[in-house]
Every structure is written in structure tokens, then in C-alpha cells.
N, C-alpha and C. Protein backbone atom coordinates (compact mmCIF):
# COMPACT_ATOMS: atom_id res chain seq x y z
N MET A 1 -21.88 -2.95 0.04
CA MET A 1 -20.43 -2.67 0.85
C MET A 1 -20.21 -3.60 1.66
N LEU A 2 -19.18 -4.50 1.70
CA LEU A 2 -18.98 -5.70 2.54
C LEU A 2 -17.79 -4.99 3.26
N VAL A 3 -16.99 -4.36 3.13
CA VAL A 3 -16.18 -3.90 4.41
C VAL A 3 -15.73 -2.13 4.20
N ARG A 4 -15.28 -1.76 5.63
CA ARG A 4 -15.20 -0.65 5.27
C ARG A 4 -13.64 -0.21 6.45
N LEU A 5 -12.38 -0.23 5.55
CA LEU A 5 -11.44 0.07 6.52
C LEU A 5 -10.74 1.68 6.64
N THR A 6 -10.28 2.09 7.63
CA THR A 6 -10.06 3.53 8.03
C THR A 6 -8.67 3.55 8.04
N VAL A 7 -7.79 4.64 8.00
CA VAL A 7 -6.32 4.56 8.14
C VAL A 7 -6.32 3.91 9.48
N ALA A 8 -6.92 4.44 10.85
CA ALA A 8 -6.29 3.58 11.44
C ALA A 8 -6.63 1.86 11.72
N ASP A 9 -7.26 1.06 10.76
CA ASP A 9 -7.15 -0.12 10.73
C ASP A 9 -5.81 -0.49 10.19
N PHE A 10 -5.37 0.54 9.66
CA PHE A 10 -3.57 0.11 9.32
C PHE A 10 -2.35 0.61 9.98
N GLY A 11 -2.86 0.73 11.60
CA GLY A 11 -1.80 1.44 12.55
C GLY A 11 -1.37 2.79 11.85
N ALA A 12 -2.16 3.76 11.45
CA ALA A 12 -1.55 5.22 11.14
C ALA A 12 -2.50 5.97 11.75
N ASP A 13 -2.06 6.86 12.39
CA ASP A 13 -2.80 8.20 12.71
C ASP A 13 -3.49 8.93 12.13
N PRO A 14 -4.87 8.85 12.09
CA PRO A 14 -5.81 9.78 11.01
C PRO A 14 -5.63 11.04 10.86
N GLU A 15 -4.90 11.51 11.67
CA GLU A 15 -4.54 12.67 11.40
C GLU A 15 -3.56 13.39 10.37
N ILE A 16 -2.90 12.57 10.39
CA ILE A 16 -1.87 12.94 9.51
C ILE A 16 -1.71 11.65 8.32
N GLY A 17 -2.43 10.74 8.06
CA GLY A 17 -2.62 9.69 7.28
C GLY A 17 -3.78 9.81 6.42
N VAL A 18 -3.68 9.21 4.97
CA VAL A 18 -4.94 9.43 4.27
C VAL A 18 -4.53 7.19 3.39
N ILE A 19 -5.93 7.15 3.21
CA ILE A 19 -5.60 6.03 2.07
C ILE A 19 -5.68 6.42 0.77
N GLU A 20 -4.55 6.11 0.03
CA GLU A 20 -4.09 6.64 -1.21
C GLU A 20 -4.86 6.24 -2.22
N TRP A 21 -5.36 6.78 -3.01
CA TRP A 21 -6.19 6.37 -4.61
C TRP A 21 -5.35 5.20 -5.14
N THR A 22 -3.92 4.86 -4.73
CA THR A 22 -3.05 3.58 -5.57
C THR A 22 -3.37 2.37 -5.22
N GLY A 23 -2.51 1.44 -5.71
CA GLY A 23 -2.97 0.37 -5.08
C GLY A 23 -3.64 -0.86 -6.50
N GLY A 24 -4.25 -1.78 -5.92
CA GLY A 24 -5.00 -2.70 -6.82
C GLY A 24 -4.97 -3.95 -6.27
N TYR A 25 -5.24 -4.93 -7.15
CA TYR A 25 -5.49 -6.45 -7.01
C TYR A 25 -4.17 -7.38 -6.91
N LEU A 26 -3.69 -7.83 -5.72
CA LEU A 26 -2.36 -8.52 -5.63
C LEU A 26 -2.87 -9.84 -6.94
N ASP A 27 -3.72 -10.27 -6.34
CA ASP A 27 -4.75 -11.70 -6.97
C ASP A 27 -6.11 -11.44 -6.62
N ALA A 28 -6.84 -12.58 -6.92
CA ALA A 28 -8.25 -12.45 -6.76
C ALA A 28 -8.54 -12.22 -5.14
N GLU A 29 -7.63 -12.61 -4.34
CA GLU A 29 -7.94 -13.20 -2.37
C GLU A 29 -7.45 -11.87 -1.91
N THR A 30 -6.25 -11.01 -2.86
CA THR A 30 -6.22 -10.07 -1.86
C THR A 30 -5.71 -8.56 -2.73
N ALA A 31 -6.02 -7.70 -2.13
CA ALA A 31 -5.74 -6.10 -2.62
C ALA A 31 -4.56 -5.71 -1.86
N ILE A 32 -3.90 -4.53 -2.62
CA ILE A 32 -2.58 -3.94 -1.97
C ILE A 32 -3.12 -2.35 -2.15
N VAL A 33 -3.52 -2.03 -0.62
CA VAL A 33 -3.57 -0.44 -0.31
C VAL A 33 -2.47 0.33 -0.01
N VAL A 34 -2.87 1.58 -0.22
CA VAL A 34 -1.46 1.99 0.32
C VAL A 34 -1.86 3.55 1.19
N VAL A 35 -0.92 3.40 2.46
CA VAL A 35 -1.41 4.24 3.28
C VAL A 35 -0.26 5.52 3.40
N TYR A 36 -0.88 6.42 3.30
CA TYR A 36 0.08 8.11 2.84
C TYR A 36 -0.14 8.91 3.87
N GLY A 37 1.08 9.43 4.23
CA GLY A 37 0.72 10.93 5.38
C GLY A 37 1.66 11.83 4.97
N GLU A 38 2.08 12.62 5.65
CA GLU A 38 2.83 13.59 5.92
C GLU A 38 2.88 14.07 7.37
N ASP A 39 4.34 13.64 7.58
CA ASP A 39 4.52 14.26 8.81
C ASP A 39 5.98 14.95 8.85
N GLU A 40 5.57 16.16 9.59
CA GLU A 40 6.73 17.34 9.68
C GLU A 40 7.89 16.47 10.80
N ASP A 41 7.46 16.11 11.66
CA ASP A 41 8.13 15.90 12.95
C ASP A 41 9.04 14.59 12.65
N ALA A 42 8.60 14.12 11.51
CA ALA A 42 9.13 12.57 11.60
C ALA A 42 10.13 13.10 10.28
N GLY A 43 10.21 14.13 9.49
CA GLY A 43 11.09 14.15 8.23
C GLY A 43 9.72 14.01 6.96
N GLY A 44 8.95 14.75 7.17
CA GLY A 44 8.12 14.57 5.44
C GLY A 44 7.09 13.80 5.01
N PRO A 45 7.09 12.89 3.97
CA PRO A 45 6.37 12.12 3.66
C PRO A 45 6.30 10.79 4.12
N TRP A 46 5.41 10.04 4.37
CA TRP A 46 5.92 8.84 4.14
C TRP A 46 4.87 7.74 3.59
N TRP A 47 5.18 6.30 3.30
CA TRP A 47 3.87 5.16 2.83
C TRP A 47 4.33 3.97 3.15
N ARG A 48 2.99 3.26 2.95
CA ARG A 48 3.44 1.72 3.23
C ARG A 48 2.55 1.10 2.51
N HIS A 49 2.88 0.29 1.90
CA HIS A 49 1.96 -0.74 1.10
C HIS A 49 1.27 -2.26 1.99
N HIS A 50 0.37 -2.11 2.22
CA HIS A 50 -0.54 -3.06 2.99
C HIS A 50 -1.14 -4.14 2.18
N ARG A 51 -1.31 -5.55 2.07
CA ARG A 51 -2.11 -6.53 1.72
C ARG A 51 -3.42 -7.01 2.64
N VAL A 52 -4.27 -6.76 1.95
CA VAL A 52 -5.46 -6.97 2.46
C VAL A 52 -6.68 -7.86 1.63
N ASP A 53 -7.07 -8.96 2.78
CA ASP A 53 -7.87 -9.87 2.33
C ASP A 53 -9.26 -9.50 1.57
N THR A 54 -9.39 -9.40 0.42
CA THR A 54 -10.64 -9.02 -0.24
C THR A 54 -12.19 -9.57 0.20
N ARG A 55 -11.73 -10.91 0.87
CA ARG A 55 -13.26 -11.73 1.03
C ARG A 55 -13.39 -11.33 2.78
N THR A 56 -12.64 -11.13 3.65
CA THR A 56 -13.11 -10.50 5.04
C THR A 56 -13.11 -9.10 5.11
N GLY A 57 -11.80 -8.38 4.93
CA GLY A 57 -11.49 -7.06 5.14
C GLY A 57 -10.32 -6.92 6.17
N GLU A 58 -9.63 -8.34 6.39
CA GLU A 58 -8.97 -8.44 7.31
C GLU A 58 -7.31 -7.58 6.73
N VAL A 59 -6.62 -7.18 7.73
CA VAL A 59 -5.66 -6.00 7.31
C VAL A 59 -4.57 -7.43 7.15
N GLN A 60 -3.79 -7.69 6.30
CA GLN A 60 -2.81 -8.84 6.56
C GLN A 60 -1.19 -8.41 6.89
N GLY A 61 -0.76 -7.29 7.05
CA GLY A 61 -0.07 -6.60 7.19
C GLY A 61 1.01 -5.98 5.91
N ASP A 62 1.86 -5.17 6.19
CA ASP A 62 2.90 -4.37 5.27
C ASP A 62 3.42 -5.12 4.44
N LEU A 63 3.64 -4.67 3.51
CA LEU A 63 4.46 -5.72 2.45
C LEU A 63 5.77 -5.88 2.52
N GLY A 64 6.47 -4.54 3.29
CA GLY A 64 7.77 -4.45 3.88
C GLY A 64 8.70 -4.14 2.61
N ILE A 65 8.51 -3.37 1.49
CA ILE A 65 8.90 -3.08 0.42
C ILE A 65 9.28 -1.35 0.36
N ALA A 66 10.41 -0.79 0.03
CA ALA A 66 10.77 0.40 -0.31
C ALA A 66 10.41 0.46 -1.67
N THR A 67 9.68 1.84 -2.00
CA THR A 67 9.58 1.97 -3.42
C THR A 67 10.06 3.36 -3.58
N ILE A 68 9.86 4.32 -4.55
CA ILE A 68 10.39 5.64 -4.90
C ILE A 68 9.60 6.51 -4.61
N ASP A 69 7.96 6.12 -4.56
CA ASP A 69 7.20 7.11 -4.20
C ASP A 69 5.51 6.22 -3.47
N GLU A 70 4.90 6.77 -3.23
CA GLU A 70 3.51 5.87 -3.08
C GLU A 70 3.23 5.41 -4.22
N ASN A 71 2.94 6.00 -5.62
CA ASN A 71 2.47 5.43 -6.64
C ASN A 71 3.12 4.34 -7.35
N ASP A 72 4.49 4.17 -6.93
CA ASP A 72 5.54 3.06 -7.56
C ASP A 72 5.17 1.90 -7.14
N LEU A 73 3.86 1.21 -7.26
CA LEU A 73 3.57 -0.48 -7.32
C LEU A 73 2.48 -0.64 -7.98
N GLN A 74 2.66 -1.69 -9.03
CA GLN A 74 2.00 -2.07 -10.18
C GLN A 74 1.35 -3.19 -9.45
N PRO A 75 0.20 -4.09 -9.14
CA PRO A 75 -0.24 -4.62 -8.92
C PRO A 75 -0.68 -5.80 -10.19
N LEU A 76 -0.24 -6.46 -10.41
CA LEU A 76 -0.56 -7.27 -11.77
C LEU A 76 -1.55 -8.20 -11.92
N GLY A 77 -2.06 -8.70 -10.47
CA GLY A 77 -3.41 -9.68 -10.61
C GLY A 77 -3.05 -10.94 -10.49
N ASP A 78 -1.51 -11.29 -10.24
CA ASP A 78 -1.10 -12.75 -10.47
C ASP A 78 -0.71 -13.23 -9.55
N GLY A 79 -0.68 -12.08 -8.14
CA GLY A 79 0.25 -12.96 -7.01
C GLY A 79 1.58 -11.99 -7.42
N THR A 80 1.88 -10.97 -8.36
CA THR A 80 3.41 -10.35 -8.75
C THR A 80 2.93 -8.85 -8.82
N TYR A 81 4.10 -7.78 -8.63
CA TYR A 81 3.81 -6.48 -8.80
C TYR A 81 4.83 -6.19 -9.52
N VAL A 82 4.76 -4.80 -10.12
CA VAL A 82 6.11 -4.02 -10.80
C VAL A 82 6.50 -2.91 -10.22
N ILE A 83 7.98 -2.55 -9.69
CA ILE A 83 8.30 -1.54 -9.00
C ILE A 83 9.46 -0.68 -9.65
N THR A 84 9.90 0.11 -9.35
CA THR A 84 11.39 0.77 -10.03
C THR A 84 12.26 0.66 -9.04
N ASP A 85 13.05 -0.36 -9.53
CA ASP A 85 14.31 -0.30 -8.74
C ASP A 85 15.60 0.71 -8.48
N THR A 86 16.24 1.04 -7.47
CA THR A 86 17.15 2.25 -7.29
C THR A 86 17.80 2.70 -8.58
N ASP A 87 18.09 1.61 -9.73
CA ASP A 87 18.72 2.52 -11.08
C ASP A 87 17.98 2.74 -12.17
N GLY A 88 16.23 2.75 -11.81
CA GLY A 88 15.42 3.00 -12.29
C GLY A 88 14.69 1.83 -13.36
N THR A 89 15.33 0.82 -13.03
CA THR A 89 14.99 -0.24 -13.60
C THR A 89 13.76 -1.09 -13.62
N LEU A 90 12.67 -1.53 -14.06
CA LEU A 90 11.42 -1.68 -13.58
C LEU A 90 11.72 -3.00 -12.80
N ARG A 91 11.05 -4.07 -11.93
CA ARG A 91 11.59 -4.93 -11.32
C ARG A 91 10.25 -5.77 -11.16
N ARG A 92 9.85 -7.03 -11.70
CA ARG A 92 8.39 -7.69 -11.24
C ARG A 92 9.09 -8.57 -9.89
N MET A 93 8.02 -8.35 -9.37
CA MET A 93 8.36 -9.02 -7.77
C MET A 93 7.25 -10.09 -7.38
């Protein structure tokens, strides 16, 4: 094991957040990690897609995108990813 990250490393409350099984590799040096949680006080489920440096484990920040759900981002490994647009069309970003 090179690094171990927890929900708290992404700025989320470990009591309500988990690291989702979704995500993948944006490119050879960057992984996409999805943090998901449910907070009834805040209005239900939430999720964020974060970039992580695969060489150091450094969390590089939130991608800053909105997706229809926590699973709706497919990294393609070449620095781009596919999400579903608001009209249902797949969009490569």
C-alpha cells in the first residue's frame, strides 16, 4: 500500500460520508475518487468528485462539476471523462 485516504481527507464528515466504489483514473497520475453521504439536515444525499495524485496520495481538490448521481462520471484515462448532460446526452469533458 502506498497511501491510505479517509473520508476526512476529502473534508467530509466520517459520520455521514463514505468513499464510493465509483471513480477511476483520469490519467496515469490522477485518480477520481467519489465521496458520498446522506445528510437529512442538508436535504438528503450529496456527492463530490475529487482529484487525487496517484504518486503521492495528495487530494488535489473537487472537480467542481454537477452530475445526475454519484455514479454518473466515467473517467476515460486520457485526461477526459464522460457525464450525462441535463437533457440526457452524454458529454465528454
